[in-house]
Protein backbone atom coordinates (compact mmCIF):
# COMPACT_ATOMS: atom_id res chain seq x y z
CA MET A 1 11.94 -35.43 -37.19
CA LEU A 2 12.62 -32.27 -35.17
CA THR A 3 8.98 -32.26 -33.91
CA ALA A 4 9.15 -35.79 -32.74
CA GLY A 5 12.47 -35.21 -31.16
CA ALA A 6 11.21 -32.25 -29.19
CA LEU A 7 7.98 -34.31 -28.15
CA ALA A 8 10.04 -37.06 -26.94
CA LEU A 9 12.59 -34.73 -25.07
CA TRP A 10 9.66 -33.11 -23.45
CA ALA A 11 8.07 -36.38 -22.50
CA ALA A 12 11.46 -37.34 -20.94
CA LEU A 13 11.76 -34.11 -18.83
CA ASP A 14 7.98 -34.45 -17.85
CA HIS A 15 8.77 -38.13 -16.44
CA LEU A 16 12.22 -38.05 -15.31
CA LEU A 17 13.20 -34.46 -14.45
CA LEU A 18 10.00 -32.44 -13.41
CA PRO A 19 8.56 -34.98 -10.62
CA PRO A 20 11.82 -34.71 -8.48
CA LEU A 21 12.03 -30.87 -8.93
CA ARG A 22 8.35 -30.67 -7.89
CA PHE A 23 9.13 -32.93 -4.68
CA PHE A 24 12.29 -30.85 -4.07
CA LEU A 25 10.24 -27.56 -4.24
CA ARG A 26 7.39 -28.75 -2.24
CA ARG A 27 9.69 -29.92 0.67
CA ARG A 28 11.06 -26.41 0.61
CA VAL A 29 7.80 -24.92 0.87
CA GLU A 30 6.75 -27.11 3.56
CA ARG A 31 9.88 -26.40 5.72
CA VAL A 32 9.08 -22.58 5.35
CA LEU A 33 5.40 -23.09 6.20
CA ALA A 34 6.41 -25.10 9.41
CA GLU A 35 9.14 -22.25 10.33
CA LEU A 36 6.24 -19.62 9.69
CA ASP A 37 3.82 -21.29 11.90
CA THR A 38 6.02 -20.69 15.14
CA ARG A 39 7.19 -17.29 14.16
CA LEU A 40 4.40 -15.41 12.51
CA ARG A 41 1.88 -13.57 14.91
CA ILE A 42 -0.96 -13.71 12.37
CA ARG A 43 -0.77 -17.16 10.78
CA ILE A 44 -1.32 -17.88 7.18
CA GLN A 45 -4.89 -19.13 6.72
CA PRO A 46 -5.52 -22.27 4.57
CA PHE A 47 -7.46 -20.28 1.95
CA LYS A 48 -4.32 -18.39 1.03
CA LEU A 49 -2.44 -21.67 0.36
CA THR A 50 -5.22 -23.28 -1.90
CA ARG A 51 -4.34 -24.02 -5.43
CA ARG A 52 -5.07 -21.34 -7.66
CA ARG A 53 -7.20 -23.40 -10.14
CA ALA A 54 -9.39 -24.34 -6.98
CA LEU A 55 -9.94 -20.55 -6.05
CA ILE A 56 -10.83 -19.91 -9.66
CA ASP A 57 -13.38 -22.70 -9.69
CA ARG A 58 -14.81 -21.73 -6.16
CA LEU A 59 -15.44 -18.18 -7.77
CA LEU A 60 -17.03 -19.35 -10.84
CA PHE A 61 -19.47 -21.77 -8.95
CA ASP A 62 -20.47 -19.02 -6.33
CA ARG A 63 -24.24 -18.58 -6.57
CA GLN A 64 -23.80 -14.88 -6.59
CA VAL A 65 -21.46 -14.94 -9.62
CA VAL A 66 -23.65 -17.46 -11.56
CA ALA A 67 -26.92 -15.32 -10.90
CA ALA A 68 -24.88 -12.13 -12.25
CA ALA A 69 -23.56 -14.06 -15.38
CA GLU A 70 -27.15 -15.27 -16.07
CA GLU A 71 -28.37 -11.80 -15.59
CA GLU A 72 -25.58 -10.34 -18.00
CA ALA A 73 -26.37 -13.10 -20.68
CA LEU A 74 -29.98 -12.01 -20.49
CA ARG A 75 -29.14 -8.37 -20.79
CA ARG A 76 -26.67 -8.85 -23.77
CA GLY A 77 -28.53 -11.74 -25.59
CA LEU A 78 -25.69 -14.20 -25.08
CA ARG A 79 -25.45 -17.65 -24.18
CA ARG A 80 -24.97 -18.36 -20.51
CA ALA A 81 -21.51 -20.34 -21.42
CA GLN A 82 -20.26 -17.20 -23.07
CA VAL A 83 -20.82 -15.20 -20.24
CA LEU A 84 -19.11 -17.57 -17.81
CA ALA A 85 -16.15 -17.82 -19.83
CA GLU A 86 -15.98 -14.18 -19.77
CA ALA A 87 -16.40 -14.55 -15.88
CA GLU A 88 -13.50 -16.99 -15.82
CA ARG A 89 -11.18 -14.44 -17.37
CA TYR A 90 -11.94 -12.02 -14.73
CA ALA A 91 -11.44 -14.52 -12.17
CA ARG A 92 -7.99 -15.53 -13.65
CA GLU A 93 -6.91 -11.85 -13.79
CA ILE A 94 -7.88 -11.25 -10.16
CA VAL A 95 -7.24 -14.37 -8.00
CA PRO A 96 -3.43 -14.51 -6.83
CA ALA A 97 -1.14 -17.58 -6.63
CA PHE A 98 0.32 -17.28 -3.21
CA ASN A 99 3.77 -19.01 -2.71
CA ALA A 100 5.14 -18.81 1.00
CA TYR A 101 8.67 -19.60 -0.30
CA ILE A 102 8.60 -17.17 -2.95
CA TYR A 103 7.10 -14.29 -0.46
CA PHE A 104 9.36 -15.16 2.70
CA ARG A 105 12.44 -15.81 1.09
CA LEU A 106 12.82 -14.17 -2.31
CA GLY A 107 10.26 -11.36 -1.74
CA TYR A 108 11.12 -10.50 1.88
CA TRP A 109 15.04 -10.46 0.81
CA LEU A 110 14.34 -8.29 -2.25
CA ALA A 111 11.99 -6.04 -0.04
CA ARG A 112 14.54 -5.64 2.68
CA ARG A 113 17.40 -4.86 0.41
CA LEU A 114 15.56 -2.43 -1.79
CA ALA A 115 14.02 -0.65 1.02
CA ARG A 116 17.29 -0.52 3.11
CA PHE A 117 19.22 0.62 -0.16
CA LEU A 118 17.01 3.45 -0.89
CA TYR A 119 16.10 4.64 2.70
CA ARG A 120 17.24 4.90 6.21
CA VAL A 121 14.04 2.48 7.19
CA ARG A 122 12.65 3.13 10.62
CA LEU A 123 9.67 1.47 12.61
CA GLY A 124 8.32 4.39 14.40
CA TRP A 125 5.55 4.42 16.81
CA THR A 126 3.23 0.99 17.39
CA ASP A 127 0.52 0.33 19.63
CA GLU A 128 2.16 -3.25 20.58
CA ALA A 129 -0.34 -3.81 23.43
CA ALA A 130 -3.34 -3.55 21.12
CA LEU A 131 -1.73 -5.59 18.41
CA ALA A 132 -0.56 -8.22 20.77
CA ALA A 133 -4.37 -8.53 21.95
CA LEU A 134 -5.77 -9.24 18.41
CA ASP A 135 -7.72 -12.37 18.37
CA PRO A 136 -5.89 -14.94 16.46
CA SER A 137 -8.95 -15.88 14.56
CA ALA A 138 -9.87 -12.61 13.36
CA THR A 139 -9.25 -11.27 9.84
CA VAL A 140 -6.70 -8.45 9.70
CA VAL A 141 -6.70 -5.40 7.20
CA PHE A 142 -4.05 -2.95 7.21
CA VAL A 143 -5.17 0.28 6.21
CA MET A 144 -2.68 2.84 5.00
CA ASN A 145 -1.89 6.11 3.43
CA HIS A 146 -0.29 6.10 -0.14
CA ARG A 147 2.76 8.27 -0.62
CA SER A 148 4.82 6.20 -2.91
CA ASN A 149 5.00 2.91 -5.08
CA VAL A 150 7.71 2.23 -2.41
CA ASP A 151 4.90 1.58 0.17
CA TYR A 152 4.19 -2.00 -1.08
CA ILE A 153 7.92 -2.91 -0.54
CA LEU A 154 8.23 -0.92 2.59
CA VAL A 155 5.22 -2.30 4.62
CA ALA A 156 5.70 -5.94 3.37
CA TYR A 157 9.27 -5.82 4.70
CA LEU A 158 8.35 -4.21 8.24
CA ALA A 159 5.13 -6.53 8.57
CA ALA A 160 6.90 -9.65 7.54
CA GLU A 161 7.69 -10.64 11.35
CA ARG A 162 4.02 -10.52 11.77
CA THR A 163 2.18 -11.81 8.61
CA ALA A 164 1.91 -12.09 4.90
CA LEU A 165 0.15 -9.40 3.40
CA SER A 166 -2.21 -9.62 0.36
CA TYR A 167 -2.54 -6.18 -1.53
CA ALA A 168 -4.88 -4.89 -3.99
CA VAL A 169 -2.70 -4.17 -6.93
CA GLY A 170 -3.92 -1.87 -9.71
CA GLU A 171 -3.64 -2.40 -13.40
CA TRP A 172 0.01 -0.77 -13.71
CA ALA A 173 1.42 -4.14 -12.50
CA ARG A 174 -0.26 -6.17 -15.02
CA ILE A 175 2.70 -6.56 -17.28
CA TRP A 176 5.06 -9.50 -17.54
CA PRO A 177 6.78 -10.52 -15.41
CA LEU A 178 5.73 -8.17 -12.68
CA ASP A 179 2.28 -9.84 -12.82
CA ASN A 180 3.36 -13.23 -12.13
CA LEU A 181 5.83 -11.96 -9.30
CA PHE A 182 2.93 -10.14 -7.56
CA ARG A 183 0.39 -13.01 -7.79
CA SER A 184 3.11 -15.22 -6.28
CA MET A 185 3.43 -12.68 -3.50
CA GLY A 186 -0.55 -12.99 -2.80
CA ALA A 187 -1.66 -9.82 -4.44
CA TYR A 188 -4.77 -9.64 -6.39
CA PHE A 189 -5.46 -7.37 -9.29
CA VAL A 190 -8.03 -4.53 -9.56
CA ARG A 191 -9.23 -2.68 -12.26
CA ARG A 192 -9.96 0.98 -11.14
CA ASN A 193 -13.30 2.54 -11.94
CA SER A 194 -14.61 -0.37 -13.95
CA GLN A 195 -18.33 -0.21 -14.58
CA ASN A 196 -18.62 -3.77 -15.89
CA PRO A 197 -21.10 -5.44 -13.37
CA LEU A 198 -19.97 -8.80 -13.99
CA TYR A 199 -16.34 -8.01 -13.43
CA ARG A 200 -17.31 -6.17 -10.17
CA LYS A 201 -19.38 -9.20 -9.02
CA VAL A 202 -16.44 -11.44 -9.49
CA LEU A 203 -13.99 -9.19 -7.62
CA GLU A 204 -16.72 -8.58 -4.72
CA ARG A 205 -16.90 -12.17 -4.33
CA TYR A 206 -13.24 -12.80 -4.21
CA VAL A 207 -12.61 -10.05 -1.65
CA ALA A 208 -15.59 -11.19 0.28
CA THR A 209 -14.64 -14.69 0.36
CA ALA A 210 -10.93 -14.05 1.23
CA THR A 211 -12.20 -11.84 4.03
CA ALA A 212 -14.31 -14.50 5.42
CA GLU A 213 -11.52 -16.97 5.23
CA GLY A 214 -9.27 -14.80 7.33
CA VAL A 215 -6.84 -13.73 4.60
CA THR A 216 -4.56 -10.82 6.03
CA GLN A 217 -4.91 -7.81 3.51
CA ALA A 218 -3.28 -4.34 2.74
CA VAL A 219 -5.56 -1.67 1.26
CA PHE A 220 -4.85 1.80 0.32
CA PRO A 221 -8.30 3.62 0.89
CA GLU A 222 -7.14 6.77 -1.27
CA GLY A 223 -7.40 4.56 -4.54
CA GLY A 224 -3.95 6.06 -5.56
CA LEU A 225 -0.93 8.06 -4.79
CA SER A 226 -1.24 11.69 -3.21
CA ARG A 227 -0.91 14.20 -5.88
CA ASP A 228 -0.27 17.08 -3.74
CA GLY A 229 1.12 15.40 -0.57
CA ARG A 230 -2.09 15.60 1.32
CA LEU A 231 -4.38 12.70 2.39
CA ARG A 232 -7.16 11.97 0.06
CA PRO A 233 -10.82 11.21 0.73
CA PRO A 234 -11.28 7.42 0.86
CA LYS A 235 -12.77 5.22 -2.12
CA LEU A 236 -15.22 2.76 -0.50
CA GLY A 237 -15.37 0.08 -3.15
CA LEU A 238 -13.28 -2.54 -1.42
CA PHE A 239 -14.34 -1.68 2.13
CA ASP A 240 -18.01 -2.25 0.86
CA TYR A 241 -17.15 -5.77 -0.55
CA MET A 242 -15.75 -6.50 2.90
CA LEU A 243 -18.62 -5.25 4.92
CA ARG A 244 -21.65 -6.17 3.13
CA ALA A 245 -21.35 -9.92 3.88
CA PHE A 246 -19.78 -9.44 7.38
CA ASP A 247 -21.68 -11.16 10.08
CA PRO A 248 -21.34 -9.45 13.51
CA ALA A 249 -22.31 -12.86 15.27
CA GLY A 250 -20.01 -14.92 13.50
CA GLU A 251 -16.84 -16.68 14.72
CA ARG A 252 -14.38 -14.49 12.97
CA ASP A 253 -14.04 -10.53 13.60
CA LEU A 254 -12.82 -8.34 10.98
CA VAL A 255 -10.07 -5.88 12.52
CA PHE A 256 -8.55 -3.02 10.79
CA VAL A 257 -4.97 -1.83 11.72
CA PRO A 258 -4.37 1.89 10.65
CA VAL A 259 -0.80 2.32 9.00
CA GLY A 260 0.90 5.73 8.85
CA ILE A 261 3.79 6.08 6.13
CA ASN A 262 5.99 8.91 5.32
CA TYR A 263 9.31 9.59 3.48
CA ASP A 264 11.92 12.50 3.60
CA ARG A 265 11.71 12.13 -0.16
CA THR A 266 9.50 10.20 -2.46
CA LEU A 267 10.86 9.05 -5.55
CA GLU A 268 7.75 10.45 -7.78
CA ASP A 269 7.33 13.59 -6.32
CA ARG A 270 7.84 15.75 -9.30
CA THR A 271 6.10 13.38 -11.55
CA LEU A 272 3.06 13.26 -9.08
CA LEU A 273 2.98 17.09 -9.02
CA LEU A 274 2.78 17.21 -12.87
CA GLU A 275 -0.53 15.75 -12.55
CA VAL A 276 -1.92 18.64 -10.85
CA ALA A 277 -0.32 21.14 -12.99
CA PRO A 278 -2.39 23.28 -15.56
CA GLU A 279 -0.28 21.98 -18.63
CA ALA A 280 -1.73 19.66 -21.48
CA LYS A 281 -1.91 15.93 -20.52
CA ALA A 282 0.53 15.04 -23.60
CA LYS A 283 2.78 17.88 -22.22
CA ARG A 284 2.87 16.28 -18.67
CA ALA A 285 3.38 12.71 -19.92
CA GLN A 286 6.74 13.96 -21.96
CA SER A 287 7.74 15.91 -18.86
CA ALA A 288 7.00 12.94 -16.65
CA ILE A 289 9.16 10.56 -19.06
CA GLY A 290 11.81 13.06 -19.44
CA GLY A 291 12.03 13.73 -15.56
CA THR A 292 12.36 10.21 -14.78
CA ALA A 293 15.16 9.45 -17.22
CA ALA A 294 16.96 12.65 -15.91
CA PHE A 295 16.43 11.49 -12.45
CA ILE A 296 17.78 8.03 -12.97
CA GLY A 297 20.59 9.45 -15.14
CA ARG A 298 21.64 11.70 -12.30
CA ASN A 299 21.68 9.07 -9.57
CA LEU A 300 23.53 6.73 -11.66
CA ALA A 301 26.14 9.43 -12.29
CA LEU A 302 26.43 9.84 -8.46
CA MET A 303 26.73 6.26 -7.74
CA LEU A 304 29.61 6.08 -10.40
CA ARG A 305 31.63 9.08 -8.53
CA GLN A 306 30.62 7.51 -5.34
CA GLU A 307 28.91 10.36 -4.09
CA TRP A 308 25.28 8.80 -4.04
CA HIS A 309 23.43 8.83 -0.59
CA ARG A 310 20.06 7.33 0.42
CA PHE A 311 16.88 9.48 0.15
CA GLY A 312 16.59 10.11 3.78
CA TYR A 313 14.32 8.70 6.35
CA ALA A 314 11.31 6.48 5.58
CA CYS A 315 9.14 5.79 8.61
CA VAL A 316 6.04 3.73 9.25
CA ASN A 317 3.54 3.75 12.29
CA PHE A 318 1.21 1.03 13.37
CA GLY A 319 -1.67 2.44 15.07
CA THR A 320 -4.54 0.92 17.21
CA PRO A 321 -6.88 -1.60 15.61
CA LEU A 322 -10.55 -0.78 14.98
CA SER A 323 -12.87 -3.81 15.61
CA LEU A 324 -15.78 -3.91 12.98
CA ARG A 325 -17.70 -6.13 15.36
CA ALA A 326 -17.43 -3.53 18.29
CA TRP A 327 -18.07 -0.85 15.83
CA LEU A 328 -21.31 -2.30 14.73
CA ASP A 329 -22.55 -3.23 18.15
CA GLU A 330 -22.07 0.37 19.39
CA ARG A 331 -24.50 1.48 16.55
CA GLY A 332 -26.79 -1.77 16.57
CA LEU A 333 -26.13 -2.56 12.81
CA ASP A 334 -25.85 -5.60 10.61
CA LEU A 335 -24.87 -4.36 7.13
CA ARG A 336 -26.17 -7.58 5.61
CA ARG A 337 -29.67 -6.64 6.12
CA LEU A 338 -29.50 -3.08 4.47
CA GLU A 339 -29.75 -2.22 0.87
CA LYS A 340 -27.09 -0.57 -1.01
CA SER A 341 -28.67 3.16 -0.41
CA GLU A 342 -29.20 2.32 3.32
CA ARG A 343 -25.56 0.74 3.85
CA ALA A 344 -23.82 3.55 1.92
CA PRO A 345 -23.76 6.21 4.86
CA HIS A 346 -22.45 3.71 7.36
CA VAL A 347 -19.69 2.31 4.89
CA GLU A 348 -18.53 6.07 4.38
CA ALA A 349 -18.75 6.81 8.13
CA LEU A 350 -16.47 3.80 8.73
CA GLY A 351 -14.10 5.05 5.79
CA GLU A 352 -13.91 8.43 7.26
CA GLU A 353 -12.83 7.09 10.69
CA LEU A 354 -10.39 4.58 9.33
CA MET A 355 -8.85 7.32 7.40
CA ALA A 356 -8.91 9.84 10.28
CA ARG A 357 -7.14 7.05 12.36
CA VAL A 358 -4.43 6.50 9.57
CA GLY A 359 -3.97 10.42 9.47
CA ARG A 360 -3.18 10.46 13.24
CA VAL A 361 -0.34 8.12 12.86
CA VAL A 362 1.31 9.57 9.83
CA PRO A 363 5.04 9.96 11.14
CA VAL A 364 6.24 13.42 11.00
CA VAL A 365 9.68 12.93 9.44
CA PRO A 366 12.45 15.75 9.12
CA VAL A 367 11.95 17.06 5.81
CA ALA A 368 8.09 17.39 6.39
CA LEU A 369 8.80 19.37 9.55
CA VAL A 370 11.27 21.68 7.96
CA ALA A 371 9.40 22.14 4.82
CA THR A 372 6.21 23.30 6.78
CA LEU A 373 8.38 26.11 8.27
CA PHE A 374 9.39 27.49 4.71
CA VAL A 375 5.76 27.02 3.45
CA THR A 376 4.27 29.00 6.29
CA THR A 377 6.61 32.00 5.81
CA PRO A 378 7.69 31.93 2.17
CA ALA A 379 8.89 35.24 1.90
CA GLU A 380 11.42 35.32 4.97
CA ALA A 381 15.00 34.50 5.37
CA LEU A 382 15.83 32.77 8.48
CA SER A 383 18.97 32.15 10.18
CA LEU A 384 19.80 28.51 11.53
CA LEU A 385 19.04 29.71 15.00
CA GLU A 386 15.67 31.27 14.16
CA LEU A 387 14.85 27.93 11.93
CA LYS A 388 15.38 25.72 15.15
CA ALA A 389 13.57 28.11 17.38
CA ARG A 390 10.54 27.89 15.06
CA ALA A 391 10.88 23.97 14.43
CA PHE A 392 10.80 23.60 18.22
CA ALA A 393 7.69 25.49 18.50
CA LEU A 394 6.02 23.50 15.77
CA TRP A 395 7.29 20.39 17.34
CA ARG A 396 5.44 21.01 20.57
CA GLU A 397 2.26 21.91 18.50
CA LEU A 398 2.25 18.81 16.88
CA GLU A 399 3.22 16.70 19.81
CA GLN A 400 0.24 18.35 21.67
CA ALA A 401 -2.11 17.54 18.75
CA GLY A 402 -1.07 13.75 19.47
CA ALA A 403 1.04 13.45 16.43
CA HIS A 404 4.08 11.13 16.37
CA VAL A 405 7.37 12.99 15.79
CA TYR A 406 10.13 10.72 14.43
CA VAL A 407 13.45 11.93 15.99
CA PRO A 408 16.51 10.61 14.56
CA ARG A 409 19.29 9.64 17.24
CA ARG A 410 16.70 11.05 19.52
CA ASP A 411 18.54 14.35 18.88
CA GLN A 412 16.10 17.32 17.96
CA ASP A 413 18.80 19.62 16.74
CA TYR A 414 20.24 16.81 14.27
CA SER A 415 16.62 16.11 13.11
CA ILE A 416 16.22 19.72 12.10
CA GLU A 417 19.50 19.79 10.46
CA VAL A 418 19.15 16.61 8.48
CA GLY A 419 15.69 18.00 7.19
CA LEU A 420 17.39 21.24 6.21
CA ARG A 421 20.54 19.49 4.52
CA MET A 422 18.10 17.47 2.39
CA LEU A 423 16.06 20.44 1.36
CA THR A 424 19.45 22.43 0.55
CA GLN A 425 21.06 19.55 -1.36
CA ARG A 426 18.12 19.18 -3.49
CA ARG A 427 18.12 23.11 -4.12
CA LEU A 428 14.49 23.57 -2.81
CA VAL A 429 16.05 26.02 -0.32
CA GLU A 430 18.92 28.15 -0.69
CA GLU A 431 21.60 29.77 1.69
CA ILE A 432 22.92 33.21 1.29
CA ASP A 433 25.05 34.79 3.77
CA GLY A 434 23.98 32.25 6.52
CA LEU A 435 20.28 33.00 5.90
CA TYR A 436 17.98 30.12 4.40
CA ARG A 437 14.94 30.89 2.29
CA PRO A 438 12.63 28.79 -0.01
CA ARG A 439 13.48 29.09 -3.68
CA SER A 440 10.13 30.65 -5.35
CA GLU A 441 10.06 28.18 -8.22
CA GLU A 442 10.14 25.03 -5.69
CA LEU A 443 7.39 26.26 -3.27
CA HIS A 444 5.06 23.82 -4.91
CA LEU A 445 7.42 20.86 -3.85
CA LEU A 446 8.00 22.34 -0.51
CA ALA A 447 4.10 22.36 -0.12
CA TYR A 448 4.08 18.80 -1.06
CA TYR A 449 6.15 17.55 1.56
CA ALA A 450 4.52 19.84 4.09
CA GLY A 451 1.14 18.58 2.98
CA SER A 452 2.03 15.17 4.32
CA ILE A 453 1.50 16.44 7.94
CA ALA A 454 -0.87 19.53 7.36
CA HIS A 455 -3.76 17.38 8.84
CA LEU A 456 -1.92 17.08 12.01
CA ARG A 457 -1.86 20.91 12.61
CA ALA A 458 -4.54 22.86 14.67
CA ASP A 459 -4.35 25.38 11.59
CA PRO A 460 -3.44 23.35 8.63
CA ALA A 461 -3.18 26.59 6.44
């Protein structure tokens, strides 16, 4: 009786309640899309709005995926249907389920609130003229350095007036309910360092198809968070997927926009440094868990005492775009015609150029500037006047090198004082009798922040 009653209740809900609910939600989404069509500089492409089941089917019937499945079936001695079922699992794992209403109403609201709760968020230098001149039909890929997991939130918030971003998200986000939230925000999931050829082919064809269809994407070429604060060499897998099917004579260009991100404080700094420490892995894991718990506890205690403050400035710069069509034309290349071994040097050259462009637009924030002074002369004790004199000299050096220094309130004195205050409050620097010196046990953390701008100096050492 209970089963029959439950089935009857479900049938009533399915016929009476769900249809008007779906109609209500569809109308809300349509209104959001109509508003976005008039507001966004880079429009949402139809591919991004396609039903998820249709995208999965499109992947499964892709000629290259079918050929890879047949090859895998022969190699492993399995039936074709078994391998295609495996490919479908991979497609379900990768393909997003973008929802414009969730992205621009719930997601944007959460990203804005969280980013501004944690930091004083600033949009720094932007090449507005070059961004405004982008071909509306071009596929745009934002290429960013990776400092913190807050990067996803920060850039999505600041880019929301331009477009909806599709992120490549690692396996860490494949836990309920984060997985469904990320999928509805347009993110697609990537297994790092997977050697499974069938999985790699399904991922390749999704990335290539989304790129060909004009989906705006955001990628972190470094492949993970910087462990020592410095820029890491690019990993080229996703770039190769985008480039190997690109038609230089096609109707749609592929444009890369370099994005530089920096923080006065990254939430994961001590945890990241543990990963490059010489201790055993298990000990690092225990230290990371303990450190995270202590960090949360300290901040909750400060909030209860109403003594909590935000973690300084978070700044983002948007640099000058690079057109892939123009880049290939200059070199007389069509990567579709090259084998992997022939294509690899060109993909590597493009990756290095994009990372160099990203490096040039990484903002110089107050903590990074002041930390550099203490790392440069760790044994010296400096007065405030000496610190400012050296900071101004470093400032000039950076600006002459083309760096973009973020100046809060357009006041250089205030900028130096803000950076110094954060370092003393965190006890990375100590003041004794009016002289400031770095604490020896915290030099590795000061070097982490100095490392974020080391590449901008003529003499990084």
